């Protein structure tokens, strides 16, 4: 967990007044999973379990967060198979 990531995520609804609670919940899970050294790799199943949202709702909220410019992600692969995405959060120095 990264205190900086959690604080940043906690402040976002104030900056984005139209942010839905479900969108914020997904952002908070990503912030909670952020590791300053290794990054952020929660599975969508994990995000679902922590937010009590369905898969489709989680994917929708991730898309909304990306459209706002708050997150980005890269697909990752292990042994040639798709693994959890690597999420980049907007407060990170190398965020694009």
N, C-alpha and C. Protein backbone atom coordinates (compact mmCIF):
# COMPACT_ATOMS: atom_id res chain seq x y z
N UNK A 1 0.84 -1.18 0.00
CA UNK A 1 0.00 0.00 0.00
C UNK A 1 0.88 1.24 0.00
N UNK A 2 0.44 2.24 -0.70
CA UNK A 2 1.16 3.50 -0.79
C UNK A 2 0.31 4.61 -0.17
N UNK A 3 0.84 5.24 0.84
CA UNK A 3 0.12 6.35 1.47
C UNK A 3 -0.11 7.48 0.46
N UNK A 4 0.89 7.76 -0.35
CA UNK A 4 0.76 8.82 -1.36
C UNK A 4 -0.36 8.50 -2.35
N UNK A 5 -0.45 7.25 -2.77
CA UNK A 5 -1.50 6.85 -3.72
C UNK A 5 -2.87 6.96 -3.08
N UNK A 6 -2.99 6.53 -1.84
CA UNK A 6 -4.28 6.58 -1.16
C UNK A 6 -4.72 8.03 -0.94
N UNK A 7 -3.82 8.89 -0.54
CA UNK A 7 -4.16 10.30 -0.35
C UNK A 7 -4.59 10.92 -1.67
N UNK A 8 -3.84 10.65 -2.72
CA UNK A 8 -4.18 11.17 -4.05
C UNK A 8 -5.57 10.71 -4.46
N UNK A 9 -5.86 9.43 -4.33
CA UNK A 9 -7.17 8.90 -4.72
C UNK A 9 -8.28 9.49 -3.86
N UNK A 10 -8.00 9.66 -2.59
CA UNK A 10 -9.00 10.19 -1.67
C UNK A 10 -9.43 11.60 -2.07
N UNK A 11 -8.53 12.37 -2.65
CA UNK A 11 -8.81 13.75 -3.04
C UNK A 11 -9.52 13.89 -4.39
N UNK A 12 -9.60 12.85 -5.17
CA UNK A 12 -10.13 12.97 -6.54
C UNK A 12 -11.61 13.37 -6.64
N UNK A 13 -12.51 12.88 -5.79
CA UNK A 13 -13.91 13.31 -5.92
C UNK A 13 -14.10 14.82 -5.75
N UNK A 14 -13.24 15.45 -4.96
CA UNK A 14 -13.32 16.89 -4.80
C UNK A 14 -12.93 17.61 -6.09
N UNK A 15 -12.01 17.02 -6.84
CA UNK A 15 -11.56 17.61 -8.10
C UNK A 15 -12.46 17.24 -9.27
N UNK A 16 -13.12 16.12 -9.16
CA UNK A 16 -14.02 15.61 -10.21
C UNK A 16 -15.40 15.42 -9.58
N UNK A 17 -16.15 16.50 -9.50
CA UNK A 17 -17.43 16.50 -8.78
C UNK A 17 -18.46 15.53 -9.34
N UNK A 18 -18.29 15.12 -10.60
CA UNK A 18 -19.25 14.20 -11.20
C UNK A 18 -18.82 12.73 -11.05
N UNK A 19 -17.78 12.48 -10.27
CA UNK A 19 -17.30 11.11 -10.07
C UNK A 19 -18.33 10.29 -9.28
N UNK A 20 -18.67 9.13 -9.82
CA UNK A 20 -19.63 8.25 -9.15
C UNK A 20 -18.94 7.52 -8.00
N UNK A 21 -19.69 7.15 -6.97
CA UNK A 21 -19.11 6.39 -5.86
C UNK A 21 -18.44 5.09 -6.31
N UNK A 22 -19.02 4.42 -7.30
CA UNK A 22 -18.42 3.17 -7.78
C UNK A 22 -17.08 3.43 -8.47
N UNK A 23 -16.98 4.54 -9.16
CA UNK A 23 -15.72 4.92 -9.82
C UNK A 23 -14.66 5.20 -8.77
N UNK A 24 -15.04 5.91 -7.74
CA UNK A 24 -14.12 6.23 -6.66
C UNK A 24 -13.70 4.98 -5.91
N UNK A 25 -14.63 4.05 -5.72
CA UNK A 25 -14.30 2.81 -5.02
C UNK A 25 -13.23 2.03 -5.79
N UNK A 26 -13.36 1.96 -7.09
CA UNK A 26 -12.35 1.27 -7.91
C UNK A 26 -11.01 1.99 -7.81
N UNK A 27 -11.03 3.31 -7.85
CA UNK A 27 -9.79 4.08 -7.73
C UNK A 27 -9.13 3.84 -6.37
N UNK A 28 -9.93 3.76 -5.32
CA UNK A 28 -9.38 3.52 -3.99
C UNK A 28 -8.75 2.14 -3.88
N UNK A 29 -9.34 1.14 -4.52
CA UNK A 29 -8.75 -0.20 -4.52
C UNK A 29 -7.41 -0.17 -5.25
N UNK A 30 -7.37 0.51 -6.40
CA UNK A 30 -6.10 0.61 -7.13
C UNK A 30 -5.05 1.30 -6.27
N UNK A 31 -5.43 2.36 -5.60
CA UNK A 31 -4.48 3.09 -4.74
C UNK A 31 -4.01 2.20 -3.59
N UNK A 32 -4.92 1.43 -3.03
CA UNK A 32 -4.56 0.54 -1.93
C UNK A 32 -3.60 -0.56 -2.39
N UNK A 33 -3.70 -0.95 -3.64
CA UNK A 33 -2.83 -2.01 -4.18
C UNK A 33 -1.51 -1.46 -4.73
N UNK A 34 -1.38 -0.16 -4.79
CA UNK A 34 -0.18 0.45 -5.37
C UNK A 34 1.04 0.22 -4.48
N UNK A 35 2.11 -0.21 -5.09
CA UNK A 35 3.39 -0.39 -4.42
C UNK A 35 4.37 0.54 -5.11
N UNK A 36 5.00 1.47 -4.40
CA UNK A 36 5.89 2.43 -5.03
C UNK A 36 7.04 1.81 -5.82
N UNK A 37 7.45 0.62 -5.44
CA UNK A 37 8.56 -0.04 -6.12
C UNK A 37 8.07 -0.94 -7.26
N UNK A 38 7.06 -1.74 -6.99
CA UNK A 38 6.62 -2.75 -7.95
C UNK A 38 5.45 -2.35 -8.83
N UNK A 39 4.70 -1.33 -8.46
CA UNK A 39 3.55 -0.91 -9.26
C UNK A 39 2.25 -1.43 -8.69
N UNK A 40 1.26 -1.55 -9.57
CA UNK A 40 -0.10 -1.88 -9.16
C UNK A 40 -0.66 -2.93 -10.11
N UNK A 41 -0.92 -4.13 -9.60
CA UNK A 41 -1.32 -5.26 -10.44
C UNK A 41 -2.55 -6.02 -9.94
N UNK A 42 -3.59 -5.38 -9.42
CA UNK A 42 -4.73 -6.17 -8.95
C UNK A 42 -5.51 -6.77 -10.11
N UNK A 43 -6.02 -7.95 -9.93
CA UNK A 43 -6.86 -8.56 -10.96
C UNK A 43 -8.24 -7.91 -10.91
N UNK A 44 -8.98 -8.02 -11.99
CA UNK A 44 -10.34 -7.49 -11.98
C UNK A 44 -11.20 -8.25 -10.99
N UNK A 45 -10.94 -9.53 -10.81
CA UNK A 45 -11.67 -10.31 -9.80
C UNK A 45 -11.44 -9.74 -8.40
N UNK A 46 -10.20 -9.35 -8.14
CA UNK A 46 -9.87 -8.77 -6.83
C UNK A 46 -10.61 -7.45 -6.65
N UNK A 47 -10.60 -6.61 -7.69
CA UNK A 47 -11.30 -5.32 -7.62
C UNK A 47 -12.79 -5.55 -7.39
N UNK A 48 -13.36 -6.54 -8.07
CA UNK A 48 -14.77 -6.89 -7.88
C UNK A 48 -15.04 -7.26 -6.42
N UNK A 49 -14.17 -8.09 -5.86
CA UNK A 49 -14.40 -8.56 -4.48
C UNK A 49 -14.29 -7.42 -3.47
N UNK A 50 -13.43 -6.46 -3.72
CA UNK A 50 -13.23 -5.36 -2.78
C UNK A 50 -14.29 -4.26 -2.91
N UNK A 51 -14.88 -4.13 -4.09
CA UNK A 51 -15.86 -3.06 -4.32
C UNK A 51 -17.30 -3.56 -4.30
N UNK A 52 -17.47 -4.86 -4.35
CA UNK A 52 -18.80 -5.47 -4.43
C UNK A 52 -19.50 -5.10 -5.75
N UNK A 53 -18.71 -4.88 -6.79
CA UNK A 53 -19.23 -4.58 -8.13
C UNK A 53 -19.04 -5.80 -9.01
N UNK A 54 -19.84 -5.92 -10.04
CA UNK A 54 -19.68 -6.99 -11.01
C UNK A 54 -18.56 -6.68 -11.99
N UNK A 55 -18.16 -7.69 -12.76
CA UNK A 55 -17.07 -7.52 -13.72
C UNK A 55 -17.31 -6.38 -14.70
N UNK A 56 -18.50 -6.35 -15.28
CA UNK A 56 -18.83 -5.32 -16.26
C UNK A 56 -18.74 -3.93 -15.64
N UNK A 57 -19.26 -3.79 -14.41
CA UNK A 57 -19.21 -2.50 -13.72
C UNK A 57 -17.77 -2.08 -13.44
N UNK A 58 -16.93 -3.02 -13.04
CA UNK A 58 -15.52 -2.69 -12.79
C UNK A 58 -14.85 -2.24 -14.08
N UNK A 59 -15.07 -2.97 -15.16
CA UNK A 59 -14.48 -2.57 -16.45
C UNK A 59 -14.97 -1.19 -16.86
N UNK A 60 -16.25 -0.92 -16.66
CA UNK A 60 -16.79 0.41 -16.99
C UNK A 60 -16.12 1.51 -16.17
N UNK A 61 -15.95 1.27 -14.88
CA UNK A 61 -15.34 2.29 -14.02
C UNK A 61 -13.87 2.49 -14.37
N UNK A 62 -13.17 1.42 -14.71
CA UNK A 62 -11.78 1.56 -15.14
C UNK A 62 -11.70 2.42 -16.42
N UNK A 63 -12.64 2.20 -17.33
CA UNK A 63 -12.68 2.98 -18.56
C UNK A 63 -12.96 4.46 -18.25
N UNK A 64 -13.89 4.73 -17.32
CA UNK A 64 -14.18 6.11 -16.93
C UNK A 64 -12.95 6.77 -16.31
N UNK A 65 -12.27 6.04 -15.45
CA UNK A 65 -11.07 6.59 -14.81
C UNK A 65 -9.98 6.90 -15.83
N UNK A 66 -9.84 6.03 -16.82
CA UNK A 66 -8.86 6.28 -17.88
C UNK A 66 -9.26 7.50 -18.70
N UNK A 67 -10.54 7.64 -19.02
CA UNK A 67 -11.02 8.79 -19.79
C UNK A 67 -10.79 10.10 -19.04
N UNK A 68 -10.85 10.06 -17.74
CA UNK A 68 -10.59 11.25 -16.92
C UNK A 68 -9.09 11.58 -16.86
N UNK A 69 -8.26 10.66 -17.29
CA UNK A 69 -6.82 10.86 -17.22
C UNK A 69 -6.25 10.54 -15.85
N UNK A 70 -6.99 9.75 -15.06
CA UNK A 70 -6.52 9.41 -13.71
C UNK A 70 -5.70 8.13 -13.67
N UNK A 71 -5.97 7.23 -14.60
CA UNK A 71 -5.23 5.96 -14.65
C UNK A 71 -4.90 5.61 -16.10
N UNK A 72 -3.97 4.72 -16.23
CA UNK A 72 -3.65 4.08 -17.51
C UNK A 72 -3.27 2.65 -17.15
N UNK A 73 -3.20 1.79 -18.15
CA UNK A 73 -2.78 0.42 -17.87
C UNK A 73 -2.09 -0.20 -19.07
N UNK A 74 -1.27 -1.17 -18.75
CA UNK A 74 -0.58 -1.98 -19.74
C UNK A 74 -0.96 -3.43 -19.48
N UNK A 75 -1.22 -4.15 -20.56
CA UNK A 75 -1.48 -5.58 -20.43
C UNK A 75 -0.16 -6.28 -20.07
N UNK A 76 -0.23 -7.27 -19.22
CA UNK A 76 0.95 -8.06 -18.88
C UNK A 76 0.67 -9.52 -19.22
N UNK A 77 1.75 -10.25 -19.45
CA UNK A 77 1.64 -11.65 -19.83
C UNK A 77 2.61 -12.49 -19.02
N UNK A 78 2.16 -13.68 -18.65
CA UNK A 78 3.01 -14.66 -17.96
C UNK A 78 2.89 -15.97 -18.70
N UNK A 79 4.00 -16.52 -19.11
CA UNK A 79 4.02 -17.78 -19.86
C UNK A 79 3.13 -17.72 -21.10
N UNK A 80 3.12 -16.56 -21.75
CA UNK A 80 2.34 -16.40 -22.97
C UNK A 80 0.85 -16.19 -22.76
N UNK A 81 0.42 -16.14 -21.49
CA UNK A 81 -1.00 -15.95 -21.19
C UNK A 81 -1.21 -14.59 -20.54
N UNK A 82 -2.37 -14.03 -20.78
CA UNK A 82 -2.72 -12.72 -20.21
C UNK A 82 -2.76 -12.81 -18.69
N UNK A 83 -2.12 -11.84 -18.04
CA UNK A 83 -2.12 -11.76 -16.58
C UNK A 83 -2.79 -10.44 -16.18
N UNK A 84 -2.76 -10.11 -14.92
CA UNK A 84 -3.35 -8.86 -14.44
C UNK A 84 -2.68 -7.67 -15.11
N UNK A 85 -3.46 -6.65 -15.38
CA UNK A 85 -2.92 -5.42 -15.94
C UNK A 85 -1.98 -4.75 -14.95
N UNK A 86 -1.05 -3.96 -15.48
CA UNK A 86 -0.23 -3.09 -14.64
C UNK A 86 -0.90 -1.73 -14.74
N UNK A 87 -1.46 -1.25 -13.64
CA UNK A 87 -2.15 0.03 -13.61
C UNK A 87 -1.17 1.12 -13.22
N UNK A 88 -1.27 2.25 -13.92
CA UNK A 88 -0.47 3.44 -13.62
C UNK A 88 -1.44 4.48 -13.07
N UNK A 89 -1.09 5.10 -11.98
CA UNK A 89 -1.95 6.10 -11.35
C UNK A 89 -1.44 7.49 -11.65
N UNK A 90 -2.36 8.44 -11.76
CA UNK A 90 -2.05 9.78 -12.21
C UNK A 90 -1.05 10.54 -11.37
N UNK A 91 -0.82 10.17 -10.15
CA UNK A 91 0.14 10.88 -9.31
C UNK A 91 1.58 10.40 -9.54
N UNK A 92 1.75 9.26 -10.22
CA UNK A 92 3.10 8.72 -10.42
C UNK A 92 3.91 9.64 -11.33
N UNK A 93 5.17 9.76 -11.02
CA UNK A 93 6.06 10.69 -11.75
C UNK A 93 6.09 10.38 -13.25
N UNK A 94 6.12 9.12 -13.61
CA UNK A 94 6.23 8.74 -15.04
C UNK A 94 4.88 8.53 -15.71
N UNK A 95 3.78 9.01 -15.08
CA UNK A 95 2.44 8.81 -15.65
C UNK A 95 2.30 9.58 -16.96
N UNK A 96 1.71 8.89 -17.95
CA UNK A 96 1.46 9.53 -19.25
C UNK A 96 0.02 9.34 -19.63
